Amino acid sequence: MKEIPEGYHIHKNGGGLVEDTVTIDETVYIGPDARVSGNAQVSGNAWVSGDAWASSPLYIQGTKHSLTNSKYGHIAIGCHEHTFAYWQEHYKAIGRAEGYTKEEIEQYGLFIQMFVKIGK
């Protein structure tokens, strides 16, 4: 049996966890591995499944582009989205191709390391 954290309930359609603060239609499907929280409003023909975020993902507004922990183990910087490992290996080449200065590339390298350390 799934452990239900305080302030959550199991959704009737799909078995996912829903925080009591969420506004949600009974017809919406919430998959068994999903969690909906905060002030979310889910209605209509919505289908929520998979590794939904339990809390807001990491986001940084950089000097040139924003960085977002777009999905587990991935960072989106500008229009590029790659795994943590890919960014660690290729951020300098991508930065140069995008016209970043040497200082901006160094800065984004530090941001990437922070995502690896505290991101999801």
PDB file of N, CA and C in Angstrom:
ATOM      1  N   MET A   1       0.850  -1.191   0.000  1.00  0.00           N
ATOM      2  CA  MET A   1       0.000   0.000   0.000  1.00  0.00           C
ATOM      3  C   MET A   1       0.885   1.242   0.000  1.00  0.00           C
ATOM      4  N   LYS A   2       0.508   2.225  -0.783  1.00  0.00           N
ATOM      5  CA  LYS A   2       1.249   3.472  -0.911  1.00  0.00           C
ATOM      6  C   LYS A   2       1.112   4.316   0.351  1.00  0.00           C
ATOM      7  N   GLU A   3       2.255   4.844   0.826  1.00  0.00           N
ATOM      8  CA  GLU A   3       2.229   5.731   1.987  1.00  0.00           C
ATOM      9  C   GLU A   3       1.674   7.084   1.535  1.00  0.00           C
ATOM     10  N   ILE A   4       0.729   7.606   2.291  1.00  0.00           N
ATOM     11  CA  ILE A   4       0.096   8.881   1.955  1.00  0.00           C
ATOM     12  C   ILE A   4       0.623   9.947   2.906  1.00  0.00           C
ATOM     13  N   PRO A   5       1.382  10.917   2.366  1.00  0.00           N
ATOM     14  CA  PRO A   5       1.890  11.990   3.235  1.00  0.00           C
ATOM     15  C   PRO A   5       0.740  12.821   3.808  1.00  0.00           C
ATOM     16  N   GLU A   6       0.986  13.421   4.937  1.00  0.00           N
ATOM     17  CA  GLU A   6      -0.016  14.288   5.555  1.00  0.00           C
ATOM     18  C   GLU A   6      -0.380  15.413   4.582  1.00  0.00           C
ATOM     19  N   GLY A   7      -1.662  15.694   4.457  1.00  0.00           N
ATOM     20  CA  GLY A   7      -2.132  16.763   3.582  1.00  0.00           C
ATOM     21  C   GLY A   7      -2.367  16.310   2.148  1.00  0.00           C
ATOM     22  N   TYR A   8      -2.259  15.021   1.879  1.00  0.00           N
ATOM     23  CA  TYR A   8      -2.478  14.454   0.545  1.00  0.00           C
ATOM     24  C   TYR A   8      -3.566  13.390   0.597  1.00  0.00           C
ATOM     25  N   HIS A   9      -4.088  13.054  -0.562  1.00  0.00           N
ATOM     26  CA  HIS A   9      -5.012  11.934  -0.677  1.00  0.00           C
ATOM     27  C   HIS A   9      -4.751  11.231  -2.012  1.00  0.00           C
ATOM     28  N   ILE A  10      -5.233  10.014  -2.125  1.00  0.00           N
ATOM     29  CA  ILE A  10      -5.104   9.253  -3.364  1.00  0.00           C
ATOM     30  C   ILE A  10      -6.258   9.651  -4.279  1.00  0.00           C
ATOM     31  N   HIS A  11      -5.925  10.004  -5.521  1.00  0.00           N
ATOM     32  CA  HIS A  11      -6.978  10.389  -6.473  1.00  0.00           C
ATOM     33  C   HIS A  11      -7.721   9.140  -6.944  1.00  0.00           C
ATOM     34  N   LYS A  12      -9.032   9.236  -7.040  1.00  0.00           N
ATOM     35  CA  LYS A  12      -9.874   8.087  -7.392  1.00  0.00           C
ATOM     36  C   LYS A  12      -9.584   7.549  -8.791  1.00  0.00           C
ATOM     37  N   ASN A  13      -9.184   8.432  -9.711  1.00  0.00           N
ATOM     38  CA  ASN A  13      -8.972   8.014 -11.095  1.00  0.00           C
ATOM     39  C   ASN A  13      -7.477   7.918 -11.374  1.00  0.00           C
ATOM     40  N   GLY A  14      -6.877   6.790 -11.120  1.00  0.00           N
ATOM     41  CA  GLY A  14      -5.468   6.581 -11.429  1.00  0.00           C
ATOM     42  C   GLY A  14      -4.599   6.280 -10.226  1.00  0.00           C
ATOM     43  N   GLY A  15      -4.994   6.733  -9.042  1.00  0.00           N
ATOM     44  CA  GLY A  15      -4.262   6.376  -7.840  1.00  0.00           C
ATOM     45  C   GLY A  15      -3.075   7.254  -7.488  1.00  0.00           C
ATOM     46  N   GLY A  16      -2.889   8.388  -8.187  1.00  0.00           N
ATOM     47  CA  GLY A  16      -1.791   9.298  -7.865  1.00  0.00           C
ATOM     48  C   GLY A  16      -2.065  10.112  -6.615  1.00  0.00           C
ATOM     49  N   LEU A  17      -0.992  10.717  -6.076  1.00  0.00           N
ATOM     50  CA  LEU A  17      -1.117  11.550  -4.882  1.00  0.00           C
ATOM     51  C   LEU A  17      -1.538  12.965  -5.257  1.00  0.00           C
ATOM     52  N   VAL A  18      -2.495  13.498  -4.526  1.00  0.00           N
ATOM     53  CA  VAL A  18      -2.989  14.853  -4.760  1.00  0.00           C
ATOM     54  C   VAL A  18      -3.004  15.585  -3.428  1.00  0.00           C
ATOM     55  N   GLU A  19      -2.332  16.739  -3.398  1.00  0.00           N
ATOM     56  CA  GLU A  19      -2.345  17.544  -2.183  1.00  0.00           C
ATOM     57  C   GLU A  19      -3.747  18.111  -1.978  1.00  0.00           C
ATOM     58  N   ASP A  20      -4.141  18.217  -0.731  1.00  0.00           N
ATOM     59  CA  ASP A  20      -5.488  18.672  -0.409  1.00  0.00           C
ATOM     60  C   ASP A  20      -5.760  20.100  -0.884  1.00  0.00           C
ATOM     61  N   THR A  21      -4.737  20.875  -1.191  1.00  0.00           N
ATOM     62  CA  THR A  21      -4.904  22.253  -1.656  1.00  0.00           C
ATOM     63  C   THR A  21      -5.207  22.342  -3.158  1.00  0.00           C
ATOM     64  N   VAL A  22      -5.107  21.236  -3.864  1.00  0.00           N
ATOM     65  CA  VAL A  22      -5.295  21.206  -5.320  1.00  0.00           C
ATOM     66  C   VAL A  22      -6.773  21.192  -5.666  1.00  0.00           C
ATOM     67  N   THR A  23      -7.131  21.920  -6.728  1.00  0.00           N
ATOM     68  CA  THR A  23      -8.477  21.859  -7.280  1.00  0.00           C
ATOM     69  C   THR A  23      -8.415  20.914  -8.474  1.00  0.00           C
ATOM     70  N   ILE A  24      -9.153  19.810  -8.391  1.00  0.00           N
ATOM     71  CA  ILE A  24      -9.024  18.787  -9.424  1.00  0.00           C
ATOM     72  C   ILE A  24     -10.367  18.112  -9.692  1.00  0.00           C
ATOM     73  N   ASP A  25     -10.675  17.905 -10.975  1.00  0.00           N
ATOM     74  CA  ASP A  25     -11.893  17.187 -11.353  1.00  0.00           C
ATOM     75  C   ASP A  25     -11.697  15.695 -11.106  1.00  0.00           C
ATOM     76  N   GLU A  26     -12.779  15.022 -10.723  1.00  0.00           N
ATOM     77  CA  GLU A  26     -12.695  13.574 -10.507  1.00  0.00           C
ATOM     78  C   GLU A  26     -12.419  12.818 -11.797  1.00  0.00           C
ATOM     79  N   THR A  27     -12.741  13.408 -12.945  1.00  0.00           N
ATOM     80  CA  THR A  27     -12.555  12.731 -14.232  1.00  0.00           C
ATOM     81  C   THR A  27     -11.106  12.752 -14.719  1.00  0.00           C
ATOM     82  N   VAL A  28     -10.277  13.609 -14.136  1.00  0.00           N
ATOM     83  CA  VAL A  28      -8.869  13.714 -14.536  1.00  0.00           C
ATOM     84  C   VAL A  28      -8.138  12.450 -14.107  1.00  0.00           C
ATOM     85  N   TYR A  29      -7.253  11.943 -14.968  1.00  0.00           N
ATOM     86  CA  TYR A  29      -6.446  10.781 -14.625  1.00  0.00           C
ATOM     87  C   TYR A  29      -5.130  11.242 -14.019  1.00  0.00           C
ATOM     88  N   ILE A  30      -4.838  10.766 -12.806  1.00  0.00           N
ATOM     89  CA  ILE A  30      -3.571  11.045 -12.134  1.00  0.00           C
ATOM     90  C   ILE A  30      -2.896   9.685 -11.923  1.00  0.00           C
ATOM     91  N   GLY A  31      -1.862   9.425 -12.730  1.00  0.00           N
ATOM     92  CA  GLY A  31      -1.184   8.131 -12.698  1.00  0.00           C
ATOM     93  C   GLY A  31      -0.645   7.778 -11.326  1.00  0.00           C
ATOM     94  N   PRO A  32      -0.435   6.489 -11.073  1.00  0.00           N
ATOM     95  CA  PRO A  32      -0.035   6.026  -9.747  1.00  0.00           C
ATOM     96  C   PRO A  32       1.322   6.550  -9.272  1.00  0.00           C
ATOM     97  N   ASP A  33       2.200   6.957 -10.179  1.00  0.00           N
ATOM     98  CA  ASP A  33       3.510   7.478  -9.793  1.00  0.00           C
ATOM     99  C   ASP A  33       3.564   9.004  -9.797  1.00  0.00           C
ATOM    100  N   ALA A  34       2.431   9.651 -10.060  1.00  0.00           N
ATOM    101  CA  ALA A  34       2.394  11.117 -10.153  1.00  0.00           C
ATOM    102  C   ALA A  34       1.984  11.738  -8.826  1.00  0.00           C
ATOM    103  N   ARG A  35       2.383  13.005  -8.666  1.00  0.00           N
ATOM    104  CA  ARG A  35       2.011  13.776  -7.486  1.00  0.00           C
ATOM    105  C   ARG A  35       1.653  15.178  -7.962  1.00  0.00           C
ATOM    106  N   VAL A  36       0.482  15.669  -7.567  1.00  0.00           N
ATOM    107  CA  VAL A  36       0.034  17.006  -7.923  1.00  0.00           C
ATOM    108  C   VAL A  36      -0.048  17.798  -6.625  1.00  0.00           C
ATOM    109  N   SER A  37       0.565  18.998  -6.610  1.00  0.00           N
ATOM    110  CA  SER A  37       0.635  19.726  -5.349  1.00  0.00           C
ATOM    111  C   SER A  37       0.485  21.225  -5.555  1.00  0.00           C
ATOM    112  N   GLY A  38       0.519  21.934  -4.439  1.00  0.00           N
ATOM    113  CA  GLY A  38       0.450  23.394  -4.461  1.00  0.00           C
ATOM    114  C   GLY A  38      -0.943  23.892  -4.773  1.00  0.00           C
ATOM    115  N   ASN A  39      -0.989  24.930  -5.590  1.00  0.00           N
ATOM    116  CA  ASN A  39      -2.269  25.526  -5.970  1.00  0.00           C
ATOM    117  C   ASN A  39      -2.691  25.104  -7.370  1.00  0.00           C
ATOM    118  N   ALA A  40      -2.265  23.910  -7.792  1.00  0.00           N
ATOM    119  CA  ALA A  40      -2.595  23.425  -9.129  1.00  0.00           C
ATOM    120  C   ALA A  40      -4.099  23.318  -9.315  1.00  0.00           C
ATOM    121  N   GLN A  41      -4.537  23.578 -10.545  1.00  0.00           N
ATOM    122  CA  GLN A  41      -5.925  23.406 -10.930  1.00  0.00           C
ATOM    123  C   GLN A  41      -5.913  22.498 -12.152  1.00  0.00           C
ATOM    124  N   VAL A  42      -6.465  21.307 -12.016  1.00  0.00           N
ATOM    125  CA  VAL A  42      -6.428  20.313 -13.080  1.00  0.00           C
ATOM    126  C   VAL A  42      -7.854  19.944 -13.437  1.00  0.00           C
ATOM    127  N   SER A  43      -8.196  20.097 -14.728  1.00  0.00           N
ATOM    128  CA  SER A  43      -9.569  19.821 -15.142  1.00  0.00           C
ATOM    129  C   SER A  43      -9.602  19.356 -16.591  1.00  0.00           C
ATOM    130  N   GLY A  44     -10.807  19.061 -17.056  1.00  0.00           N
ATOM    131  CA  GLY A  44     -10.992  18.664 -18.450  1.00  0.00           C
ATOM    132  C   GLY A  44     -10.475  17.264 -18.718  1.00  0.00           C
ATOM    133  N   ASN A  45      -9.804  17.109 -19.863  1.00  0.00           N
ATOM    134  CA  ASN A  45      -9.287  15.797 -20.262  1.00  0.00           C
ATOM    135  C   ASN A  45      -7.825  15.623 -19.880  1.00  0.00           C
ATOM    136  N   ALA A  46      -7.405  16.261 -18.799  1.00  0.00           N
ATOM    137  CA  ALA A  46      -5.998  16.199 -18.387  1.00  0.00           C
ATOM    138  C   ALA A  46      -5.611  14.783 -17.985  1.00  0.00           C
ATOM    139  N   TRP A  47      -4.336  14.482 -18.225  1.00  0.00           N
ATOM    140  CA  TRP A  47      -3.762  13.181 -17.882  1.00  0.00           C
ATOM    141  C   TRP A  47      -2.401  13.462 -17.285  1.00  0.00           C
ATOM    142  N   VAL A  48      -2.209  13.189 -16.006  1.00  0.00           N
ATOM    143  CA  VAL A  48      -0.939  13.443 -15.329  1.00  0.00           C
ATOM    144  C   VAL A  48      -0.339  12.097 -14.950  1.00  0.00           C
ATOM    145  N   SER A  49       0.920  11.881 -15.374  1.00  0.00           N
ATOM    146  CA  SER A  49       1.545  10.601 -15.064  1.00  0.00           C
ATOM    147  C   SER A  49       3.047  10.761 -14.971  1.00  0.00           C
ATOM    148  N   GLY A  50       3.720   9.707 -14.560  1.00  0.00           N
ATOM    149  CA  GLY A  50       5.175   9.700 -14.548  1.00  0.00           C
ATOM    150  C   GLY A  50       5.761  10.418 -13.358  1.00  0.00           C
ATOM    151  N   ASP A  51       6.953  10.938 -13.581  1.00  0.00           N
ATOM    152  CA  ASP A  51       7.724  11.570 -12.518  1.00  0.00           C
ATOM    153  C   ASP A  51       7.399  13.053 -12.405  1.00  0.00           C
ATOM    154  N   ALA A  52       6.184  13.364 -12.007  1.00  0.00           N
ATOM    155  CA  ALA A  52       5.804  14.758 -11.833  1.00  0.00           C
ATOM    156  C   ALA A  52       6.619  15.354 -10.689  1.00  0.00           C
ATOM    157  N   TRP A  53       6.912  16.645 -10.764  1.00  0.00           N
ATOM    158  CA  TRP A  53       7.707  17.310  -9.731  1.00  0.00           C
ATOM    159  C   TRP A  53       6.932  17.365  -8.423  1.00  0.00           C
ATOM    160  N   ALA A  54       7.600  17.033  -7.339  1.00  0.00           N
ATOM    161  CA  ALA A  54       7.010  17.160  -6.011  1.00  0.00           C
ATOM    162  C   ALA A  54       7.164  18.592  -5.502  1.00  0.00           C
ATOM    163  N   SER A  55       8.142  19.314  -6.024  1.00  0.00           N
ATOM    164  CA  SER A  55       8.359  20.719  -5.679  1.00  0.00           C
ATOM    165  C   SER A  55       8.860  21.425  -6.933  1.00  0.00           C
ATOM    166  N   SER A  56       8.881  22.720  -6.908  1.00  0.00           N
ATOM    167  CA  SER A  56       9.304  23.476  -8.085  1.00  0.00           C
ATOM    168  C   SER A  56      10.724  23.106  -8.487  1.00  0.00           C
ATOM    169  N   PRO A  57      10.958  22.934  -9.797  1.00  0.00           N
ATOM    170  CA  PRO A  57      12.317  22.631 -10.257  1.00  0.00           C
ATOM    171  C   PRO A  57      13.219  23.859 -10.145  1.00  0.00           C
ATOM    172  N   LEU A  58      14.523  23.605 -10.098  1.00  0.00           N
ATOM    173  CA  LEU A  58      15.504  24.678  -9.997  1.00  0.00           C
ATOM    174  C   LEU A  58      15.464  25.533 -11.264  1.00  0.00           C
ATOM    175  N   TYR A  59      15.490  26.854 -11.082  1.00  0.00           N
ATOM    176  CA  TYR A  59      15.469  27.816 -12.194  1.00  0.00           C
ATOM    177  C   TYR A  59      16.414  28.952 -11.847  1.00  0.00           C
ATOM    178  N   ILE A  60      17.257  29.336 -12.798  1.00  0.00           N
ATOM    179  CA  ILE A  60      18.167  30.468 -12.611  1.00  0.00           C
ATOM    180  C   ILE A  60      18.062  31.363 -13.834  1.00  0.00           C
ATOM    181  N   GLN A  61      17.930  32.653 -13.615  1.00  0.00           N
ATOM    182  CA  GLN A  61      17.988  33.607 -14.727  1.00  0.00           C
ATOM    183  C   GLN A  61      19.436  34.028 -14.892  1.00  0.00           C
ATOM    184  N   GLY A  62      20.103  33.511 -15.900  1.00  0.00           N
ATOM    185  CA  GLY A  62      21.490  33.855 -16.161  1.00  0.00           C
ATOM    186  C   GLY A  62      21.607  35.189 -16.880  1.00  0.00           C
ATOM    187  N   THR A  63      22.838  35.604 -17.161  1.00  0.00           N
ATOM    188  CA  THR A  63      23.064  36.888 -17.822  1.00  0.00           C
ATOM    189  C   THR A  63      22.663  36.863 -19.287  1.00  0.00           C
ATOM    190  N   LYS A  64      22.671  35.701 -19.907  1.00  0.00           N
ATOM    191  CA  LYS A  64      22.328  35.593 -21.325  1.00  0.00           C
ATOM    192  C   LYS A  64      21.038  34.796 -21.540  1.00  0.00           C
ATOM    193  N   HIS A  65      20.925  33.631 -20.912  1.00  0.00           N
ATOM    194  CA  HIS A  65      19.738  32.784 -21.012  1.00  0.00           C
ATOM    195  C   HIS A  65      19.397  32.228 -19.634  1.00  0.00           C
ATOM    196  N   SER A  66      18.146  31.804 -19.483  1.00  0.00           N
ATOM    197  CA  SER A  66      17.752  31.156 -18.234  1.00  0.00           C
ATOM    198  C   SER A  66      18.168  29.689 -18.262  1.00  0.00           C
ATOM    199  N   LEU A  67      18.267  29.111 -17.076  1.00  0.00           N
ATOM    200  CA  LEU A  67      18.567  27.692 -16.908  1.00  0.00           C
ATOM    201  C   LEU A  67      17.425  27.077 -16.110  1.00  0.00           C
ATOM    202  N   THR A  68      16.906  25.952 -16.562  1.00  0.00           N
ATOM    203  CA  THR A  68      15.795  25.294 -15.896  1.00  0.00           C
ATOM    204  C   THR A  68      16.068  23.807 -15.771  1.00  0.00           C
ATOM    205  N   ASN A  69      15.796  23.262 -14.611  1.00  0.00           N
ATOM    206  CA  ASN A  69      15.853  21.806 -14.422  1.00  0.00           C
ATOM    207  C   ASN A  69      14.578  21.267 -15.077  1.00  0.00           C
ATOM    208  N   SER A  70      14.624  21.115 -16.405  1.00  0.00           N
ATOM    209  CA  SER A  70      13.438  20.888 -17.230  1.00  0.00           C
ATOM    210  C   SER A  70      12.765  19.544 -17.014  1.00  0.00           C
ATOM    211  N   LYS A  71      13.524  18.528 -16.703  1.00  0.00           N
ATOM    212  CA  LYS A  71      13.010  17.227 -16.297  1.00  0.00           C
ATOM    213  C   LYS A  71      14.128  16.560 -15.518  1.00  0.00           C
ATOM    214  N   TYR A  72      13.818  15.459 -14.871  1.00  0.00           N
ATOM    215  CA  TYR A  72      14.817  14.832 -14.018  1.00  0.00           C
ATOM    216  C   TYR A  72      16.104  14.557 -14.786  1.00  0.00           C
ATOM    217  N   GLY A  73      17.224  15.100 -14.241  1.00  0.00           N
ATOM    218  CA  GLY A  73      18.534  14.868 -14.828  1.00  0.00           C
ATOM    219  C   GLY A  73      18.847  15.696 -16.050  1.00  0.00           C
ATOM    220  N   HIS A  74      18.038  16.704 -16.359  1.00  0.00           N
ATOM    221  CA  HIS A  74      18.219  17.530 -17.545  1.00  0.00           C
ATOM    222  C   HIS A  74      18.213  19.015 -17.197  1.00  0.00           C
ATOM    223  N   ILE A  75      18.946  19.777 -18.000  1.00  0.00           N
ATOM    224  CA  ILE A  75      18.944  21.238 -17.883  1.00  0.00           C
ATOM    225  C   ILE A  75      18.606  21.810 -19.250  1.00  0.00           C
ATOM    226  N   ALA A  76      17.708  22.784 -19.269  1.00  0.00           N
ATOM    227  CA  ALA A  76      17.439  23.561 -20.473  1.00  0.00           C
ATOM    228  C   ALA A  76      18.104  24.920 -20.289  1.00  0.00           C
ATOM    229  N   ILE A  77      18.960  25.269 -21.230  1.00  0.00           N
ATOM    230  CA  ILE A  77      19.599  26.589 -21.250  1.00  0.00           C
ATOM    231  C   ILE A  77      19.270  27.189 -22.607  1.00  0.00           C
ATOM    232  N   GLY A  78      18.532  28.314 -22.587  1.00  0.00           N
ATOM    233  CA  GLY A  78      18.078  28.867 -23.860  1.00  0.00           C
ATOM    234  C   GLY A  78      17.247  27.816 -24.579  1.00  0.00           C
ATOM    235  N   CYS A  79      17.597  27.529 -25.837  1.00  0.00           N
ATOM    236  CA  CYS A  79      16.840  26.539 -26.612  1.00  0.00           C
ATOM    237  C   CYS A  79      17.485  25.153 -26.604  1.00  0.00           C
ATOM    238  N   HIS A  80      18.514  24.956 -25.796  1.00  0.00           N
ATOM    239  CA  HIS A  80      19.198  23.665 -25.701  1.00  0.00           C
ATOM    240  C   HIS A  80      18.775  22.929 -24.436  1.00  0.00           C
ATOM    241  N   GLU A  81      18.453  21.639 -24.582  1.00  0.00           N
ATOM    242  CA  GLU A  81      18.134  20.813 -23.413  1.00  0.00           C
ATOM    243  C   GLU A  81      18.962  19.532 -23.499  1.00  0.00           C
ATOM    244  N   HIS A  82      19.719  19.259 -22.428  1.00  0.00           N
ATOM    245  CA  HIS A  82      20.578  18.083 -22.397  1.00  0.00           C
ATOM    246  C   HIS A  82      20.643  17.541 -20.975  1.00  0.00           C
ATOM    247  N   THR A  83      21.208  16.337 -20.844  1.00  0.00           N
ATOM    248  CA  THR A  83      21.407  15.740 -19.521  1.00  0.00           C
ATOM    249  C   THR A  83      22.479  16.520 -18.773  1.00  0.00           C
ATOM    250  N   PHE A  84      22.489  16.323 -17.455  1.00  0.00           N
ATOM    251  CA  PHE A  84      23.539  16.947 -16.643  1.00  0.00           C
ATOM    252  C   PHE A  84      24.916  16.585 -17.191  1.00  0.00           C
ATOM    253  N   ALA A  85      25.125  15.296 -17.455  1.00  0.00           N
ATOM    254  CA  ALA A  85      26.440  14.826 -17.915  1.00  0.00           C
ATOM    255  C   ALA A  85      26.825  15.451 -19.254  1.00  0.00           C
ATOM    256  N   TYR A  86      25.871  15.580 -20.160  1.00  0.00           N
ATOM    257  CA  TYR A  86      26.162  16.178 -21.464  1.00  0.00           C
ATOM    258  C   TYR A  86      26.595  17.635 -21.300  1.00  0.00           C
ATOM    259  N   TRP A  87      25.864  18.382 -20.468  1.00  0.00           N
ATOM    260  CA  TRP A  87      26.232  19.774 -20.228  1.00  0.00           C
ATOM    261  C   TRP A  87      27.629  19.883 -19.637  1.00  0.00           C
ATOM    262  N   GLN A  88      27.937  19.015 -18.670  1.00  0.00           N
ATOM    263  CA  GLN A  88      29.259  19.070 -18.052  1.00  0.00           C
ATOM    264  C   GLN A  88      30.367  18.874 -19.080  1.00  0.00           C
ATOM    265  N   GLU A  89      30.122  18.033 -20.051  1.00  0.00           N
ATOM    266  CA  GLU A  89      31.147  17.738 -21.057  1.00  0.00           C
ATOM    267  C   GLU A  89      31.194  18.766 -22.188  1.00  0.00           C
ATOM    268  N   HIS A  90      30.046  19.352 -22.544  1.00  0.00           N
ATOM    269  CA  HIS A  90      29.973  20.153 -23.769  1.00  0.00           C
ATOM    270  C   HIS A  90      29.611  21.627 -23.588  1.00  0.00           C
ATOM    271  N   TYR A  91      29.484  22.105 -22.351  1.00  0.00           N
ATOM    272  CA  TYR A  91      28.987  23.474 -22.166  1.00  0.00           C
ATOM    273  C   TYR A  91      29.894  24.525 -22.795  1.00  0.00           C
ATOM    274  N   LYS A  92      31.194  24.310 -22.788  1.00  0.00           N
ATOM    275  CA  LYS A  92      32.113  25.298 -23.371  1.00  0.00           C
ATOM    276  C   LYS A  92      31.899  25.415 -24.877  1.00  0.00           C
ATOM    277  N   ALA A  93      31.790  24.282 -25.557  1.00  0.00           N
ATOM    278  CA  ALA A  93      31.578  24.302 -27.013  1.00  0.00           C
ATOM    279  C   ALA A  93      30.226  24.914 -27.362  1.00  0.00           C
ATOM    280  N   ILE A  94      29.194  24.573 -26.601  1.00  0.00           N
ATOM    281  CA  ILE A  94      27.866  25.144 -26.853  1.00  0.00           C
ATOM    282  C   ILE A  94      27.900  26.644 -26.602  1.00  0.00           C
ATOM    283  N   GLY A  95      28.544  27.048 -25.515  1.00  0.00           N
ATOM    284  CA  GLY A  95      28.656  28.478 -25.204  1.00  0.00           C
ATOM    285  C   GLY A  95      29.357  29.254 -26.313  1.00  0.00           C
ATOM    286  N   ARG A  96      30.460  28.717 -26.809  1.00  0.00           N
ATOM    287  CA  ARG A  96      31.173  29.387 -27.902  1.00  0.00           C
ATOM    288  C   ARG A  96      30.293  29.482 -29.147  1.00  0.00           C
ATOM    289  N   ALA A  97      29.590  28.398 -29.472  1.00  0.00           N
ATOM    290  CA  ALA A  97      28.712  28.382 -30.656  1.00  0.00           C
ATOM    291  C   ALA A  97      27.568  29.388 -30.516  1.00  0.00           C
ATOM    292  N   GLU A  98      27.155  29.663 -29.279  1.00  0.00           N
ATOM    293  CA  GLU A  98      26.059  30.608 -29.029  1.00  0.00           C
ATOM    294  C   GLU A  98      26.556  32.038 -28.811  1.00  0.00           C
ATOM    295  N   GLY A  99      27.861  32.249 -28.942  1.00  0.00           N
ATOM    296  CA  GLY A  99      28.411  33.601 -28.829  1.00  0.00           C
ATOM    297  C   GLY A  99      28.624  34.089 -27.408  1.00  0.00           C
ATOM    298  N   TYR A 100      28.712  33.182 -26.444  1.00  0.00           N
ATOM    299  CA  TYR A 100      28.979  33.575 -25.069  1.00  0.00           C
ATOM    300  C   TYR A 100      30.431  34.063 -24.951  1.00  0.00           C
ATOM    301  N   THR A 101      30.645  35.003 -24.060  1.00  0.00           N
ATOM    302  CA  THR A 101      32.010  35.434 -23.760  1.00  0.00           C
ATOM    303  C   THR A 101      32.668  34.363 -22.883  1.00  0.00           C
ATOM    304  N   LYS A 102      33.996  34.459 -22.729  1.00  0.00           N
ATOM    305  CA  LYS A 102      34.716  33.523 -21.866  1.00  0.00           C
ATOM    306  C   LYS A 102      34.174  33.592 -20.440  1.00  0.00           C
ATOM    307  N   GLU A 103      33.886  34.795 -19.962  1.00  0.00           N
ATOM    308  CA  GLU A 103      33.359  34.976 -18.609  1.00  0.00           C
ATOM    309  C   GLU A 103      31.967  34.346 -18.472  1.00  0.00           C
ATOM    310  N   GLU A 104      31.118  34.524 -19.497  1.00  0.00           N
ATOM    311  CA  GLU A 104      29.777  33.926 -19.447  1.00  0.00           C
ATOM    312  C   GLU A 104      29.870  32.401 -19.455  1.00  0.00           C
ATOM    313  N   ILE A 105      30.765  31.858 -20.247  1.00  0.00           N
ATOM    314  CA  ILE A 105      30.948  30.396 -20.274  1.00  0.00           C
ATOM    315  C   ILE A 105      31.368  29.893 -18.900  1.00  0.00           C
ATOM    316  N   GLU A 106      32.289  30.591 -18.254  1.00  0.00           N
ATOM    317  CA  GLU A 106      32.709  30.198 -16.909  1.00  0.00           C
ATOM    318  C   GLU A 106      31.532  30.266 -15.930  1.00  0.00           C
ATOM    319  N   GLN A 107      30.751  31.341 -16.037  1.00  0.00           N
ATOM    320  CA  GLN A 107      29.596  31.514 -15.157  1.00  0.00           C
ATOM    321  C   GLN A 107      28.591  30.369 -15.351  1.00  0.00           C
ATOM    322  N   TYR A 108      28.295  30.036 -16.600  1.00  0.00           N
ATOM    323  CA  TYR A 108      27.330  28.978 -16.870  1.00  0.00           C
ATOM    324  C   TYR A 108      27.873  27.616 -16.444  1.00  0.00           C
ATOM    325  N   GLY A 109      29.182  27.434 -16.527  1.00  0.00           N
ATOM    326  CA  GLY A 109      29.790  26.208 -16.008  1.00  0.00           C
ATOM    327  C   GLY A 109      29.514  26.049 -14.523  1.00  0.00           C
ATOM    328  N   LEU A 110      29.604  27.150 -13.780  1.00  0.00           N
ATOM    329  CA  LEU A 110      29.302  27.119 -12.341  1.00  0.00           C
ATOM    330  C   LEU A 110      27.815  26.841 -12.101  1.00  0.00           C
ATOM    331  N   PHE A 111      26.960  27.457 -12.909  1.00  0.00           N
ATOM    332  CA  PHE A 111      25.523  27.192 -12.782  1.00  0.00           C
ATOM    333  C   PHE A 111      25.240  25.707 -13.011  1.00  0.00           C
ATOM    334  N   ILE A 112      25.864  25.132 -14.031  1.00  0.00           N
ATOM    335  CA  ILE A 112      25.656  23.723 -14.344  1.00  0.00           C
ATOM    336  C   ILE A 112      26.080  22.848 -13.176  1.00  0.00           C
ATOM    337  N   GLN A 113      27.217  23.168 -12.562  1.00  0.00           N
ATOM    338  CA  GLN A 113      27.674  22.406 -11.404  1.00  0.00           C
ATOM    339  C   GLN A 113      26.671  22.496 -10.247  1.00  0.00           C
ATOM    340  N   MET A 114      26.029  23.662 -10.087  1.00  0.00           N
ATOM    341  CA  MET A 114      25.037  23.820  -9.039  1.00  0.00           C
ATOM    342  C   MET A 114      23.821  22.928  -9.341  1.00  0.00           C
ATOM    343  N   PHE A 115      23.397  22.872 -10.604  1.00  0.00           N
ATOM    344  CA  PHE A 115      22.295  22.006 -10.971  1.00  0.00           C
ATOM    345  C   PHE A 115      22.620  20.544 -10.665  1.00  0.00           C
ATOM    346  N   VAL A 116      23.842  20.135 -10.998  1.00  0.00           N
ATOM    347  CA  VAL A 116      24.265  18.759 -10.740  1.00  0.00           C
ATOM    348  C   VAL A 116      24.237  18.468  -9.237  1.00  0.00           C
ATOM    349  N   LYS A 117      24.655  19.444  -8.451  1.00  0.00           N
ATOM    350  CA  LYS A 117      24.741  19.243  -7.010  1.00  0.00           C
ATOM    351  C   LYS A 117      23.381  19.269  -6.309  1.00  0.00           C
ATOM    352  N   ILE A 118      22.513  20.241  -6.677  1.00  0.00           N
ATOM    353  CA  ILE A 118      21.259  20.382  -5.923  1.00  0.00           C
ATOM    354  C   ILE A 118      20.001  20.205  -6.771  1.00  0.00           C
ATOM    355  N   GLY A 119      20.162  20.031  -8.078  1.00  0.00           N
ATOM    356  CA  GLY A 119      18.992  19.815  -8.944  1.00  0.00           C
ATOM    357  C   GLY A 119      18.438  18.410  -8.778  1.00  0.00           C
ATOM    358  N   LYS A 120      17.505  18.100  -9.625  1.00  0.00           N
ATOM    359  CA  LYS A 120      16.885  16.763  -9.593  1.00  0.00           C
ATOM    360  C   LYS A 120      17.118  16.066 -10.906  1.00  0.00           C
TER     361      LYS A 120
END
